[in-house]
Amino acid sequence: MDKIKEFREQLGITQEELAKAINTSQGAISYYENSRRNIDLKTCRNITGFFIILGLNISLDDVFPPDAV
């Protein structure tokens, strides 16, 4: 399970603001946050990069933790 919502709320930004920043729709962000749609690597990187620009010291694995083996 990803942590998009957790980090987004920590930054105090809306789904709409995140969507505009990464050039997607608010609906897509909602689907990603609720695990109703798979997310591609490029979008994962865009989301993580945007969070970093806003000041979070995180990595891709922080936002999208690898599945436990």
PDB file of N, CA and C in Angstrom:
ATOM      1  N   MET A   1       0.842  -1.178   0.000  1.00  0.00           N
ATOM      2  CA  MET A   1       0.000   0.000   0.000  1.00  0.00           C
ATOM      3  C   MET A   1       0.887   1.241   0.000  1.00  0.00           C
ATOM      4  N   ASP A   2       0.541   2.191  -0.859  1.00  0.00           N
ATOM      5  CA  ASP A   2       1.335   3.411  -0.936  1.00  0.00           C
ATOM      6  C   ASP A   2       0.915   4.401   0.155  1.00  0.00           C
ATOM      7  N   LYS A   3       1.713   5.433   0.297  1.00  0.00           N
ATOM      8  CA  LYS A   3       1.485   6.428   1.337  1.00  0.00           C
ATOM      9  C   LYS A   3       1.267   7.821   0.747  1.00  0.00           C
ATOM     10  N   ILE A   4       0.680   7.883  -0.435  1.00  0.00           N
ATOM     11  CA  ILE A   4       0.457   9.169  -1.085  1.00  0.00           C
ATOM     12  C   ILE A   4      -0.360  10.082  -0.185  1.00  0.00           C
ATOM     13  N   LYS A   5      -1.483   9.589   0.300  1.00  0.00           N
ATOM     14  CA  LYS A   5      -2.375  10.419   1.105  1.00  0.00           C
ATOM     15  C   LYS A   5      -1.680  10.915   2.372  1.00  0.00           C
ATOM     16  N   GLU A   6      -0.948  10.033   3.022  1.00  0.00           N
ATOM     17  CA  GLU A   6      -0.249  10.401   4.255  1.00  0.00           C
ATOM     18  C   GLU A   6       0.702  11.577   4.023  1.00  0.00           C
ATOM     19  N   PHE A   7       1.530  11.497   2.993  1.00  0.00           N
ATOM     20  CA  PHE A   7       2.482  12.564   2.715  1.00  0.00           C
ATOM     21  C   PHE A   7       1.782  13.813   2.174  1.00  0.00           C
ATOM     22  N   ARG A   8       0.757  13.627   1.364  1.00  0.00           N
ATOM     23  CA  ARG A   8       0.012  14.773   0.829  1.00  0.00           C
ATOM     24  C   ARG A   8      -0.604  15.574   1.970  1.00  0.00           C
ATOM     25  N   GLU A   9      -1.223  14.881   2.909  1.00  0.00           N
ATOM     26  CA  GLU A   9      -1.845  15.569   4.038  1.00  0.00           C
ATOM     27  C   GLU A   9      -0.800  16.207   4.944  1.00  0.00           C
ATOM     28  N   GLN A  10       0.338  15.561   5.094  1.00  0.00           N
ATOM     29  CA  GLN A  10       1.428  16.135   5.882  1.00  0.00           C
ATOM     30  C   GLN A  10       1.866  17.479   5.293  1.00  0.00           C
ATOM     31  N   LEU A  11       1.845  17.572   3.973  1.00  0.00           N
ATOM     32  CA  LEU A  11       2.219  18.809   3.291  1.00  0.00           C
ATOM     33  C   LEU A  11       1.085  19.827   3.231  1.00  0.00           C
ATOM     34  N   GLY A  12      -0.120  19.393   3.544  1.00  0.00           N
ATOM     35  CA  GLY A  12      -1.263  20.289   3.521  1.00  0.00           C
ATOM     36  C   GLY A  12      -1.730  20.654   2.125  1.00  0.00           C
ATOM     37  N   ILE A  13      -1.586  19.722   1.183  1.00  0.00           N
ATOM     38  CA  ILE A  13      -2.048  19.986  -0.175  1.00  0.00           C
ATOM     39  C   ILE A  13      -3.231  19.081  -0.509  1.00  0.00           C
ATOM     40  N   THR A  14      -4.053  19.546  -1.417  1.00  0.00           N
ATOM     41  CA  THR A  14      -5.239  18.800  -1.828  1.00  0.00           C
ATOM     42  C   THR A  14      -4.894  17.825  -2.952  1.00  0.00           C
ATOM     43  N   GLN A  15      -5.819  16.910  -3.196  1.00  0.00           N
ATOM     44  CA  GLN A  15      -5.661  16.007  -4.341  1.00  0.00           C
ATOM     45  C   GLN A  15      -5.572  16.819  -5.625  1.00  0.00           C
ATOM     46  N   GLU A  16      -6.372  17.856  -5.728  1.00  0.00           N
ATOM     47  CA  GLU A  16      -6.382  18.703  -6.928  1.00  0.00           C
ATOM     48  C   GLU A  16      -5.019  19.370  -7.142  1.00  0.00           C
ATOM     49  N   GLU A  17      -4.419  19.882  -6.073  1.00  0.00           N
ATOM     50  CA  GLU A  17      -3.111  20.530  -6.196  1.00  0.00           C
ATOM     51  C   GLU A  17      -2.042  19.528  -6.632  1.00  0.00           C
ATOM     52  N   LEU A  18      -2.075  18.342  -6.057  1.00  0.00           N
ATOM     53  CA  LEU A  18      -1.125  17.302  -6.458  1.00  0.00           C
ATOM     54  C   LEU A  18      -1.358  16.911  -7.910  1.00  0.00           C
ATOM     55  N   ALA A  19      -2.604  16.745  -8.280  1.00  0.00           N
ATOM     56  CA  ALA A  19      -2.938  16.358  -9.654  1.00  0.00           C
ATOM     57  C   ALA A  19      -2.418  17.377 -10.665  1.00  0.00           C
ATOM     58  N   LYS A  20      -2.641  18.660 -10.393  1.00  0.00           N
ATOM     59  CA  LYS A  20      -2.156  19.707 -11.308  1.00  0.00           C
ATOM     60  C   LYS A  20      -0.640  19.689 -11.412  1.00  0.00           C
ATOM     61  N   ALA A  21       0.025  19.467 -10.273  1.00  0.00           N
ATOM     62  CA  ALA A  21       1.482  19.482 -10.250  1.00  0.00           C
ATOM     63  C   ALA A  21       2.094  18.362 -11.076  1.00  0.00           C
ATOM     64  N   ILE A  22       1.423  17.231 -11.169  1.00  0.00           N
ATOM     65  CA  ILE A  22       1.983  16.098 -11.916  1.00  0.00           C
ATOM     66  C   ILE A  22       1.220  15.837 -13.217  1.00  0.00           C
ATOM     67  N   ASN A  23       0.343  16.769 -13.565  1.00  0.00           N
ATOM     68  CA  ASN A  23      -0.370  16.723 -14.846  1.00  0.00           C
ATOM     69  C   ASN A  23      -1.270  15.489 -14.988  1.00  0.00           C
ATOM     70  N   THR A  24      -2.120  15.303 -13.989  1.00  0.00           N
ATOM     71  CA  THR A  24      -3.114  14.234 -14.041  1.00  0.00           C
ATOM     72  C   THR A  24      -4.413  14.774 -13.455  1.00  0.00           C
ATOM     73  N   SER A  25      -5.394  13.937 -13.265  1.00  0.00           N
ATOM     74  CA  SER A  25      -6.678  14.386 -12.734  1.00  0.00           C
ATOM     75  C   SER A  25      -6.788  14.120 -11.234  1.00  0.00           C
ATOM     76  N   GLN A  26      -7.652  14.866 -10.597  1.00  0.00           N
ATOM     77  CA  GLN A  26      -7.923  14.651  -9.171  1.00  0.00           C
ATOM     78  C   GLN A  26      -8.479  13.255  -8.968  1.00  0.00           C
ATOM     79  N   GLY A  27      -9.302  12.799  -9.891  1.00  0.00           N
ATOM     80  CA  GLY A  27      -9.879  11.457  -9.808  1.00  0.00           C
ATOM     81  C   GLY A  27      -8.810  10.375  -9.806  1.00  0.00           C
ATOM     82  N   ALA A  28      -7.778  10.554 -10.630  1.00  0.00           N
ATOM     83  CA  ALA A  28      -6.683   9.581 -10.667  1.00  0.00           C
ATOM     84  C   ALA A  28      -5.977   9.527  -9.319  1.00  0.00           C
ATOM     85  N   ILE A  29      -5.738  10.692  -8.716  1.00  0.00           N
ATOM     86  CA  ILE A  29      -5.090  10.726  -7.400  1.00  0.00           C
ATOM     87  C   ILE A  29      -5.952   9.979  -6.388  1.00  0.00           C
ATOM     88  N   SER A  30      -7.244  10.197  -6.428  1.00  0.00           N
ATOM     89  CA  SER A  30      -8.159   9.505  -5.519  1.00  0.00           C
ATOM     90  C   SER A  30      -8.073   7.993  -5.712  1.00  0.00           C
ATOM     91  N   TYR A  31      -8.070   7.559  -6.958  1.00  0.00           N
ATOM     92  CA  TYR A  31      -7.954   6.127  -7.242  1.00  0.00           C
ATOM     93  C   TYR A  31      -6.638   5.562  -6.715  1.00  0.00           C
ATOM     94  N   TYR A  32      -5.529   6.292  -6.923  1.00  0.00           N
ATOM     95  CA  TYR A  32      -4.234   5.831  -6.434  1.00  0.00           C
ATOM     96  C   TYR A  32      -4.247   5.712  -4.912  1.00  0.00           C
ATOM     97  N   GLU A  33      -4.784   6.731  -4.248  1.00  0.00           N
ATOM     98  CA  GLU A  33      -4.797   6.734  -2.788  1.00  0.00           C
ATOM     99  C   GLU A  33      -5.656   5.608  -2.210  1.00  0.00           C
ATOM    100  N   ASN A  34      -6.665   5.214  -2.927  1.00  0.00           N
ATOM    101  CA  ASN A  34      -7.566   4.164  -2.454  1.00  0.00           C
ATOM    102  C   ASN A  34      -7.262   2.798  -3.063  1.00  0.00           C
ATOM    103  N   SER A  35      -6.108   2.693  -3.724  1.00  0.00           N
ATOM    104  CA  SER A  35      -5.650   1.437  -4.345  1.00  0.00           C
ATOM    105  C   SER A  35      -6.677   0.852  -5.306  1.00  0.00           C
ATOM    106  N   ARG A  36      -7.384   1.734  -6.004  1.00  0.00           N
ATOM    107  CA  ARG A  36      -8.366   1.263  -6.986  1.00  0.00           C
ATOM    108  C   ARG A  36      -7.812   1.297  -8.403  1.00  0.00           C
ATOM    109  N   ARG A  37      -6.611   1.825  -8.546  1.00  0.00           N
ATOM    110  CA  ARG A  37      -5.963   1.862  -9.857  1.00  0.00           C
ATOM    111  C   ARG A  37      -4.472   1.655  -9.654  1.00  0.00           C
ATOM    112  N   ASN A  38      -3.864   0.866 -10.510  1.00  0.00           N
ATOM    113  CA  ASN A  38      -2.414   0.681 -10.455  1.00  0.00           C
ATOM    114  C   ASN A  38      -1.724   1.939 -10.951  1.00  0.00           C
ATOM    115  N   ILE A  39      -0.569   2.194 -10.393  1.00  0.00           N
ATOM    116  CA  ILE A  39       0.172   3.408 -10.720  1.00  0.00           C
ATOM    117  C   ILE A  39       1.482   3.022 -11.399  1.00  0.00           C
ATOM    118  N   ASP A  40       1.827   3.723 -12.477  1.00  0.00           N
ATOM    119  CA  ASP A  40       3.049   3.394 -13.203  1.00  0.00           C
ATOM    120  C   ASP A  40       4.255   4.075 -12.551  1.00  0.00           C
ATOM    121  N   LEU A  41       5.438   3.585 -12.873  1.00  0.00           N
ATOM    122  CA  LEU A  41       6.667   4.058 -12.253  1.00  0.00           C
ATOM    123  C   LEU A  41       6.894   5.552 -12.499  1.00  0.00           C
ATOM    124  N   LYS A  42       6.611   6.023 -13.694  1.00  0.00           N
ATOM    125  CA  LYS A  42       6.811   7.446 -14.004  1.00  0.00           C
ATOM    126  C   LYS A  42       5.959   8.313 -13.085  1.00  0.00           C
ATOM    127  N   THR A  43       4.717   7.941 -12.871  1.00  0.00           N
ATOM    128  CA  THR A  43       3.834   8.702 -11.993  1.00  0.00           C
ATOM    129  C   THR A  43       4.323   8.629 -10.553  1.00  0.00           C
ATOM    130  N   CYS A  44       4.792   7.468 -10.131  1.00  0.00           N
ATOM    131  CA  CYS A  44       5.368   7.327  -8.783  1.00  0.00           C
ATOM    132  C   CYS A  44       6.521   8.304  -8.602  1.00  0.00           C
ATOM    133  N   ARG A  45       7.379   8.365  -9.588  1.00  0.00           N
ATOM    134  CA  ARG A  45       8.523   9.278  -9.519  1.00  0.00           C
ATOM    135  C   ARG A  45       8.076  10.729  -9.513  1.00  0.00           C
ATOM    136  N   ASN A  46       7.068  11.053 -10.307  1.00  0.00           N
ATOM    137  CA  ASN A  46       6.568  12.433 -10.349  1.00  0.00           C
ATOM    138  C   ASN A  46       5.989  12.857  -8.993  1.00  0.00           C
ATOM    139  N   ILE A  47       5.223  11.975  -8.386  1.00  0.00           N
ATOM    140  CA  ILE A  47       4.628  12.279  -7.078  1.00  0.00           C
ATOM    141  C   ILE A  47       5.726  12.455  -6.036  1.00  0.00           C
ATOM    142  N   THR A  48       6.656  11.515  -5.990  1.00  0.00           N
ATOM    143  CA  THR A  48       7.749  11.598  -5.014  1.00  0.00           C
ATOM    144  C   THR A  48       8.578  12.856  -5.241  1.00  0.00           C
ATOM    145  N   GLY A  49       8.881  13.159  -6.482  1.00  0.00           N
ATOM    146  CA  GLY A  49       9.650  14.357  -6.803  1.00  0.00           C
ATOM    147  C   GLY A  49       8.949  15.629  -6.366  1.00  0.00           C
ATOM    148  N   PHE A  50       7.645  15.683  -6.553  1.00  0.00           N
ATOM    149  CA  PHE A  50       6.880  16.859  -6.132  1.00  0.00           C
ATOM    150  C   PHE A  50       6.916  17.005  -4.618  1.00  0.00           C
ATOM    151  N   PHE A  51       6.765  15.902  -3.899  1.00  0.00           N
ATOM    152  CA  PHE A  51       6.842  15.952  -2.438  1.00  0.00           C
ATOM    153  C   PHE A  51       8.220  16.440  -1.985  1.00  0.00           C
ATOM    154  N   ILE A  52       9.265  16.025  -2.668  1.00  0.00           N
ATOM    155  CA  ILE A  52      10.624  16.460  -2.337  1.00  0.00           C
ATOM    156  C   ILE A  52      10.775  17.958  -2.587  1.00  0.00           C
ATOM    157  N   ILE A  53      10.250  18.438  -3.705  1.00  0.00           N
ATOM    158  CA  ILE A  53      10.308  19.875  -4.007  1.00  0.00           C
ATOM    159  C   ILE A  53       9.633  20.686  -2.904  1.00  0.00           C
ATOM    160  N   LEU A  54       8.567  20.123  -2.332  1.00  0.00           N
ATOM    161  CA  LEU A  54       7.840  20.827  -1.273  1.00  0.00           C
ATOM    162  C   LEU A  54       8.508  20.682   0.094  1.00  0.00           C
ATOM    163  N   GLY A  55       9.645  19.988   0.146  1.00  0.00           N
ATOM    164  CA  GLY A  55      10.431  19.982   1.366  1.00  0.00           C
ATOM    165  C   GLY A  55      10.545  18.686   2.135  1.00  0.00           C
ATOM    166  N   LEU A  56       9.911  17.621   1.656  1.00  0.00           N
ATOM    167  CA  LEU A  56      10.036  16.354   2.369  1.00  0.00           C
ATOM    168  C   LEU A  56      11.356  15.686   2.007  1.00  0.00           C
ATOM    169  N   ASN A  57      11.993  15.094   2.984  1.00  0.00           N
ATOM    170  CA  ASN A  57      13.222  14.343   2.771  1.00  0.00           C
ATOM    171  C   ASN A  57      12.844  12.861   2.710  1.00  0.00           C
ATOM    172  N   ILE A  58      12.425  12.425   1.523  1.00  0.00           N
ATOM    173  CA  ILE A  58      11.899  11.074   1.333  1.00  0.00           C
ATOM    174  C   ILE A  58      12.481  10.454   0.075  1.00  0.00           C
ATOM    175  N   SER A  59      12.252   9.164  -0.059  1.00  0.00           N
ATOM    176  CA  SER A  59      12.651   8.444  -1.267  1.00  0.00           C
ATOM    177  C   SER A  59      11.416   7.795  -1.880  1.00  0.00           C
ATOM    178  N   LEU A  60      11.588   7.241  -3.044  1.00  0.00           N
ATOM    179  CA  LEU A  60      10.503   6.532  -3.722  1.00  0.00           C
ATOM    180  C   LEU A  60       9.967   5.410  -2.837  1.00  0.00           C
ATOM    181  N   ASP A  61      10.859   4.706  -2.157  1.00  0.00           N
ATOM    182  CA  ASP A  61      10.441   3.601  -1.289  1.00  0.00           C
ATOM    183  C   ASP A  61       9.667   4.075  -0.065  1.00  0.00           C
ATOM    184  N   ASP A  62       9.864   5.323   0.353  1.00  0.00           N
ATOM    185  CA  ASP A  62       9.086   5.854   1.480  1.00  0.00           C
ATOM    186  C   ASP A  62       7.625   6.043   1.080  1.00  0.00           C
ATOM    187  N   VAL A  63       7.398   6.541  -0.110  1.00  0.00           N
ATOM    188  CA  VAL A  63       6.044   6.802  -0.581  1.00  0.00           C
ATOM    189  C   VAL A  63       5.388   5.519  -1.083  1.00  0.00           C
ATOM    190  N   PHE A  64       6.170   4.684  -1.733  1.00  0.00           N
ATOM    191  CA  PHE A  64       5.681   3.441  -2.323  1.00  0.00           C
ATOM    192  C   PHE A  64       6.519   2.287  -1.779  1.00  0.00           C
ATOM    193  N   PRO A  65       6.266   1.881  -0.529  1.00  0.00           N
ATOM    194  CA  PRO A  65       7.070   0.824   0.089  1.00  0.00           C
ATOM    195  C   PRO A  65       6.991  -0.477  -0.695  1.00  0.00           C
ATOM    196  N   PRO A  66       8.146  -1.142  -0.848  1.00  0.00           N
ATOM    197  CA  PRO A  66       8.125  -2.437  -1.531  1.00  0.00           C
ATOM    198  C   PRO A  66       7.273  -3.430  -0.746  1.00  0.00           C
ATOM    199  N   ASP A  67       6.664  -4.338  -1.446  1.00  0.00           N
ATOM    200  CA  ASP A  67       5.872  -5.371  -0.788  1.00  0.00           C
ATOM    201  C   ASP A  67       6.754  -6.215   0.110  1.00  0.00           C
ATOM    202  N   ALA A  68       6.242  -6.581   1.262  1.00  0.00           N
ATOM    203  CA  ALA A  68       6.986  -7.468   2.155  1.00  0.00           C
ATOM    204  C   ALA A  68       7.074  -8.842   1.534  1.00  0.00           C
ATOM    205  N   VAL A  69       8.207  -9.440   1.617  1.00  0.00           N
ATOM    206  CA  VAL A  69       8.411 -10.766   1.030  1.00  0.00           C
ATOM    207  C   VAL A  69       8.163 -11.830   2.054  1.00  0.00           C
TER     208      VAL A  69
END
